[in-house]
Amino acid sequence: MGVERVSEPSPAWREAAGPSPRLRPQSLMLTVLGNYVLGRDIAVFSGSFIGLFGRLGVGEHAVRSTLTRMVSRDLLSRHRRGRRMYFGLTPRSEEILVDGERRVWRYGAVNTDWDGRWTVLAFSMPESWQRVRHDLRSRLTWAGFGSLGNGMWIAPSRVDIAPIVAGLGLNGHVKVFSATAEAPTDVAGMIRGAYDLDALAAGYRAFLDRWDRPGPIPEGPDDLARYLWMTTEWLQLVRTDPRLPVERLPGDWPAVRGQEVLMRLRTRYEDRARGLADQTIEFIPLSPPSASG
């Protein structure tokens, strides 16, 4: 299978479209993997990633560095064929990608069926456990928790904590409850304290400024570049969005309109983007493990 060679465009087309969140190469890589590798049991030639990322003005060095880092983090596996290197998914990256797919395409932008219950988590650990503390906070944020301070976190849904704390060695250091807020709790104040609603809203408004128009990003080289940029940007937004109950949000909450725009543009871009990706991606099939061992 041949690889379409794409000249690396200037990132000026992105700058012309207005301010954008910094799309990290790893975030873009996860978007590519989730759309074009997940569920196919394939490994992709490194040069194909360079071609795909070139459409977004990301250079070869950044792509190769990202591939190396993701291998070291057990997010990609290497497969050599002659002088060529191919990269496939790992169980860990498959789990992350499936979760990302649910967040982007299956869940709504806001919680419309909240039952009034919160998951409350409290943790206490030695100061020397800085790395564990950082990892736990990152996982809690991804799971929709907000911090009330002093090691106490809340999420506006029933959350299974077991996979969040798995592998962190926190037995005896974490306590979890499911509860409702009772008077005289200022629920609105609690939400404002635990979540940065202004920053969340600003992110969605920036998304709408860029994409809620008849012909978004005309400077972009093609629909594949637009699709990868749009879905990566949206995933970065929902990654930090706890899906707060709609009745606890302002009436003009911009995530609602953002979700509508995302789905409309998906219909516009997806088929053309996949066709271009198929032209660009060179891959090898990965054989499933032998049942006989």
Protein backbone atom coordinates (compact mmCIF):
# COMPACT_ATOMS: atom_id res chain seq x y z
CA MET A 1 0.00 0.00 0.00
CA GLY A 2 1.46 3.33 -1.03
CA VAL A 3 1.74 6.35 1.17
CA GLU A 4 0.53 9.73 -0.04
CA ARG A 5 3.33 12.21 0.42
CA VAL A 6 2.03 15.48 1.78
CA SER A 7 4.15 18.59 1.91
CA GLU A 8 4.18 20.09 5.37
CA PRO A 9 1.98 23.20 5.42
CA SER A 10 2.70 26.29 7.37
CA PRO A 11 0.76 26.54 10.64
CA ALA A 12 -0.29 30.00 9.45
CA TRP A 13 -3.65 28.59 8.34
CA ARG A 14 -4.40 27.74 11.98
CA GLU A 15 -3.33 31.18 13.15
CA ALA A 16 -5.58 32.78 10.53
CA ALA A 17 -8.55 30.94 12.02
CA GLY A 18 -8.15 32.70 15.35
CA PRO A 19 -6.93 31.72 18.81
CA SER A 20 -6.95 27.98 19.42
CA PRO A 21 -6.14 25.81 22.41
CA ARG A 22 -2.70 24.30 22.06
CA LEU A 23 -3.34 20.93 20.45
CA ARG A 24 -0.60 18.70 21.84
CA PRO A 25 0.84 16.15 19.39
CA GLN A 26 -0.17 13.32 21.73
CA SER A 27 -3.77 14.57 21.76
CA LEU A 28 -3.77 14.70 17.96
CA MET A 29 -2.22 11.22 17.88
CA LEU A 30 -4.99 9.82 20.06
CA THR A 31 -7.56 11.37 17.70
CA VAL A 32 -5.91 9.68 14.72
CA LEU A 33 -5.70 6.35 16.54
CA GLY A 34 -9.29 6.53 17.75
CA ASN A 35 -10.66 7.31 14.29
CA TYR A 36 -8.49 5.18 12.02
CA VAL A 37 -6.78 2.44 14.05
CA LEU A 38 -9.07 1.43 16.93
CA GLY A 39 -10.85 -1.86 16.28
CA ARG A 40 -8.85 -2.75 13.14
CA ASP A 41 -5.97 -4.85 14.61
CA ILE A 42 -3.38 -3.00 12.55
CA ALA A 43 -0.07 -1.22 13.05
CA VAL A 44 0.62 2.00 11.11
CA PHE A 45 3.86 2.97 9.39
CA SER A 46 5.63 5.87 11.08
CA GLY A 47 5.80 7.74 7.77
CA SER A 48 2.02 7.70 7.58
CA PHE A 49 1.78 9.53 10.89
CA ILE A 50 4.24 12.10 9.56
CA GLY A 51 2.03 12.60 6.49
CA LEU A 52 -1.14 12.95 8.56
CA PHE A 53 0.41 15.39 11.01
CA GLY A 54 1.95 17.41 8.20
CA ARG A 55 -1.57 18.45 7.27
CA LEU A 56 -1.76 20.18 10.64
CA GLY A 57 1.65 21.84 10.46
CA VAL A 58 3.26 19.40 12.91
CA GLY A 59 6.85 18.59 11.98
CA GLU A 60 8.51 15.19 11.61
CA HIS A 61 10.66 15.58 14.73
CA ALA A 62 7.60 16.27 16.91
CA VAL A 63 5.81 13.24 15.45
CA ARG A 64 8.74 10.88 16.05
CA SER A 65 9.20 12.21 19.60
CA THR A 66 5.50 11.66 20.29
CA LEU A 67 5.66 8.08 19.01
CA THR A 68 8.67 7.36 21.23
CA ARG A 69 7.02 8.86 24.33
CA MET A 70 3.80 6.96 23.74
CA VAL A 71 5.72 3.68 23.44
CA SER A 72 7.46 4.40 26.75
CA ARG A 73 4.06 5.09 28.35
CA ASP A 74 2.58 1.80 27.07
CA LEU A 75 0.26 3.68 24.72
CA LEU A 76 1.78 2.26 21.54
CA SER A 77 3.58 -0.95 20.60
CA ARG A 78 6.43 -1.14 18.05
CA HIS A 79 6.44 -3.62 15.17
CA ARG A 80 9.46 -3.77 12.85
CA ARG A 81 9.16 -5.03 9.30
CA GLY A 82 12.51 -4.88 7.58
CA ARG A 83 13.77 -1.31 7.87
CA ARG A 84 10.31 0.10 8.58
CA MET A 85 8.75 0.71 11.95
CA TYR A 86 5.02 0.36 12.53
CA PHE A 87 3.00 1.31 15.61
CA GLY A 88 -0.08 -0.40 17.02
CA LEU A 89 -2.35 -0.03 20.01
CA THR A 90 -1.87 -1.54 23.46
CA PRO A 91 -4.62 -2.65 25.86
CA ARG A 92 -4.07 0.59 27.77
CA SER A 93 -4.46 2.83 24.72
CA GLU A 94 -7.49 0.85 23.55
CA GLU A 95 -9.16 1.51 26.90
CA ILE A 96 -8.38 5.23 26.68
CA LEU A 97 -9.64 5.46 23.10
CA VAL A 98 -12.89 3.63 23.81
CA ASP A 99 -13.52 5.98 26.73
CA GLY A 100 -12.75 8.99 24.54
CA GLU A 101 -15.13 7.74 21.86
CA ARG A 102 -17.91 7.46 24.43
CA ARG A 103 -17.27 10.97 25.70
CA VAL A 104 -17.24 12.58 22.26
CA TRP A 105 -19.93 10.69 20.36
CA ARG A 106 -22.22 8.92 22.84
CA TYR A 107 -22.58 11.24 25.83
CA GLY A 108 -24.33 14.58 25.71
CA ALA A 109 -22.40 17.77 26.44
CA VAL A 110 -24.36 18.22 29.67
CA ASN A 111 -26.10 15.95 32.14
CA THR A 112 -29.85 16.04 31.47
CA ASP A 113 -30.89 13.12 33.68
CA TRP A 114 -29.18 13.80 37.00
CA ASP A 115 -30.67 11.93 39.96
CA GLY A 116 -29.40 14.42 42.55
CA ARG A 117 -26.64 12.20 43.92
CA TRP A 118 -22.96 13.03 44.20
CA THR A 119 -19.95 10.81 44.53
CA VAL A 120 -17.74 12.17 47.33
CA LEU A 121 -14.13 11.08 47.59
CA ALA A 122 -11.62 11.99 50.30
CA PHE A 123 -7.97 11.03 50.30
CA SER A 124 -5.00 11.54 52.57
CA MET A 125 -1.47 10.45 51.77
CA PRO A 126 2.09 11.32 52.81
CA GLU A 127 3.59 14.49 51.32
CA SER A 128 6.34 12.38 49.77
CA TRP A 129 3.79 10.73 47.47
CA GLN A 130 3.77 13.66 45.07
CA ARG A 131 3.68 11.55 41.90
CA VAL A 132 0.81 9.43 43.21
CA ARG A 133 -1.08 12.55 44.23
CA HIS A 134 -0.59 14.05 40.77
CA ASP A 135 -1.74 10.86 39.04
CA LEU A 136 -4.82 10.60 41.25
CA ARG A 137 -5.81 14.21 40.65
CA SER A 138 -5.42 13.77 36.89
CA ARG A 139 -7.59 10.66 36.95
CA LEU A 140 -10.22 12.33 39.11
CA THR A 141 -10.42 15.35 36.79
CA TRP A 142 -10.81 13.03 33.80
CA ALA A 143 -13.63 11.23 35.65
CA GLY A 144 -15.55 14.49 36.25
CA PHE A 145 -14.49 15.27 39.81
CA GLY A 146 -13.92 18.76 41.15
CA SER A 147 -11.90 19.65 44.22
CA LEU A 148 -13.46 21.14 47.36
CA GLY A 149 -10.00 21.39 48.94
CA ASN A 150 -8.29 19.47 51.73
CA GLY A 151 -8.29 16.25 49.74
CA MET A 152 -12.05 16.16 49.16
CA TRP A 153 -13.47 15.79 45.63
CA ILE A 154 -17.02 15.56 44.25
CA ALA A 155 -18.60 14.32 41.01
CA PRO A 156 -22.24 14.87 39.92
CA SER A 157 -22.93 11.19 39.21
CA ARG A 158 -22.33 7.70 40.52
CA VAL A 159 -18.69 6.95 39.73
CA ASP A 160 -16.95 3.59 40.00
CA ILE A 161 -13.77 4.52 41.85
CA ALA A 162 -12.03 1.14 41.55
CA PRO A 163 -10.59 1.66 38.04
CA ILE A 164 -9.61 5.25 38.91
CA VAL A 165 -7.40 4.26 41.82
CA ALA A 166 -6.22 0.95 40.32
CA GLY A 167 -2.47 0.56 40.47
CA LEU A 168 -1.86 3.58 42.69
CA GLY A 169 -1.47 1.64 45.93
CA LEU A 170 -4.04 3.74 47.78
CA ASN A 171 -5.77 1.10 49.89
CA GLY A 172 -6.50 2.70 53.24
CA HIS A 173 -5.85 6.20 51.89
CA VAL A 174 -9.17 6.79 50.05
CA LYS A 175 -12.75 7.00 51.33
CA VAL A 176 -15.73 7.12 48.96
CA PHE A 177 -19.41 7.95 49.57
CA SER A 178 -22.54 8.43 47.49
CA ALA A 179 -24.73 11.19 48.89
CA THR A 180 -27.16 14.02 48.27
CA ALA A 181 -26.53 17.61 49.30
CA GLU A 182 -28.68 18.70 52.24
CA ALA A 183 -29.55 22.16 53.61
CA PRO A 184 -27.90 24.47 54.43
CA THR A 185 -25.42 23.46 51.70
CA ASP A 186 -25.04 26.15 49.05
CA VAL A 187 -24.97 23.80 46.07
CA ALA A 188 -24.45 26.58 43.53
CA GLY A 189 -21.54 27.92 45.57
CA MET A 190 -20.14 24.42 45.99
CA ILE A 191 -20.15 23.91 42.22
CA ARG A 192 -18.49 27.26 41.59
CA GLY A 193 -15.83 26.38 44.14
CA ALA A 194 -15.14 22.93 42.75
CA TYR A 195 -15.29 23.73 39.02
CA ASP A 196 -14.02 26.63 36.95
CA LEU A 197 -17.26 27.32 35.08
CA ASP A 198 -15.89 30.50 33.48
CA ALA A 199 -12.98 28.62 31.94
CA LEU A 200 -15.24 25.80 30.75
CA ALA A 201 -17.64 28.24 29.12
CA ALA A 202 -14.79 30.21 27.53
CA GLY A 203 -13.46 27.02 25.94
CA TYR A 204 -16.82 26.17 24.41
CA ARG A 205 -17.32 29.75 23.18
CA ALA A 206 -13.92 29.67 21.51
CA PHE A 207 -14.93 26.41 19.83
CA LEU A 208 -18.14 28.03 18.58
CA ASP A 209 -16.31 31.13 17.34
CA ARG A 210 -14.15 28.87 15.19
CA TRP A 211 -16.60 26.23 14.00
CA ASP A 212 -20.14 27.68 14.17
CA ARG A 213 -20.08 29.29 10.75
CA PRO A 214 -21.00 28.26 7.19
CA GLY A 215 -17.45 27.40 6.07
CA PRO A 216 -15.15 26.85 9.04
CA ILE A 217 -11.39 27.12 8.60
CA PRO A 218 -11.25 27.80 4.84
CA GLU A 219 -7.46 28.14 5.18
CA GLY A 220 -7.16 24.47 6.16
CA PRO A 221 -5.62 22.16 3.54
CA ASP A 222 -8.54 19.68 3.47
CA ASP A 223 -11.40 18.12 5.41
CA LEU A 224 -9.11 15.59 7.08
CA ALA A 225 -7.12 18.38 8.71
CA ARG A 226 -10.33 20.14 9.75
CA TYR A 227 -11.85 16.94 11.14
CA LEU A 228 -8.76 16.01 13.16
CA TRP A 229 -8.43 19.54 14.54
CA MET A 230 -12.14 19.82 15.42
CA THR A 231 -12.43 16.46 17.16
CA THR A 232 -9.16 16.90 19.06
CA GLU A 233 -10.25 20.31 20.26
CA TRP A 234 -13.63 18.97 21.35
CA LEU A 235 -12.11 16.04 23.22
CA GLN A 236 -9.82 18.42 25.08
CA LEU A 237 -12.91 20.35 26.15
CA VAL A 238 -14.98 17.38 27.29
CA ARG A 239 -11.94 15.83 28.97
CA THR A 240 -12.15 18.55 31.64
CA ASP A 241 -15.95 18.94 31.56
CA PRO A 242 -17.63 17.16 34.50
CA ARG A 243 -21.01 17.13 32.71
CA LEU A 244 -22.67 19.10 35.46
CA PRO A 245 -26.46 18.83 35.80
CA VAL A 246 -28.14 21.06 33.24
CA GLU A 247 -30.39 22.55 35.94
CA ARG A 248 -27.27 23.79 37.74
CA LEU A 249 -25.85 25.56 34.67
CA PRO A 250 -26.63 28.94 33.08
CA GLY A 251 -29.49 28.81 30.59
CA ASP A 252 -27.20 29.70 27.68
CA TRP A 253 -24.53 27.12 28.51
CA PRO A 254 -22.42 27.03 25.30
CA ALA A 255 -21.64 23.31 25.43
CA VAL A 256 -25.18 22.58 24.24
CA ARG A 257 -24.71 24.54 21.01
CA GLY A 258 -21.17 23.21 20.71
CA GLN A 259 -22.45 19.63 20.67
CA GLU A 260 -24.92 20.50 17.90
CA VAL A 261 -22.17 22.07 15.80
CA LEU A 262 -19.86 19.10 16.34
CA MET A 263 -22.47 16.63 15.12
CA ARG A 264 -23.36 18.76 12.09
CA LEU A 265 -19.74 19.11 11.01
CA ARG A 266 -19.06 15.45 11.64
CA THR A 267 -21.66 14.70 8.98
CA ARG A 268 -19.96 17.15 6.63
CA TYR A 269 -16.34 16.07 7.14
CA GLU A 270 -16.26 12.44 8.20
CA ASP A 271 -16.52 10.56 4.90
CA ARG A 272 -14.09 12.80 3.03
CA ALA A 273 -11.67 12.72 5.97
CA ARG A 274 -11.74 8.92 6.07
CA GLY A 275 -11.10 8.71 2.36
CA LEU A 276 -8.05 10.95 2.68
CA ALA A 277 -6.83 8.98 5.70
CA ASP A 278 -7.16 5.72 3.78
CA GLN A 279 -4.99 7.20 1.01
CA THR A 280 -2.34 8.27 3.52
CA ILE A 281 -2.16 5.37 5.97
CA GLU A 282 0.11 2.42 5.23
CA PHE A 283 -0.39 -0.42 7.69
CA ILE A 284 0.26 -4.07 8.42
CA PRO A 285 -2.28 -6.46 9.98
CA LEU A 286 -1.54 -7.71 13.48
CA SER A 287 -2.21 -11.41 14.03
CA PRO A 288 -4.24 -12.24 17.14
CA PRO A 289 -2.47 -14.32 19.82
CA SER A 290 -2.41 -18.01 19.04
CA ALA A 291 -5.06 -19.94 20.99
CA SER A 292 -2.76 -22.94 21.25
CA GLY A 293 -0.04 -20.88 22.94
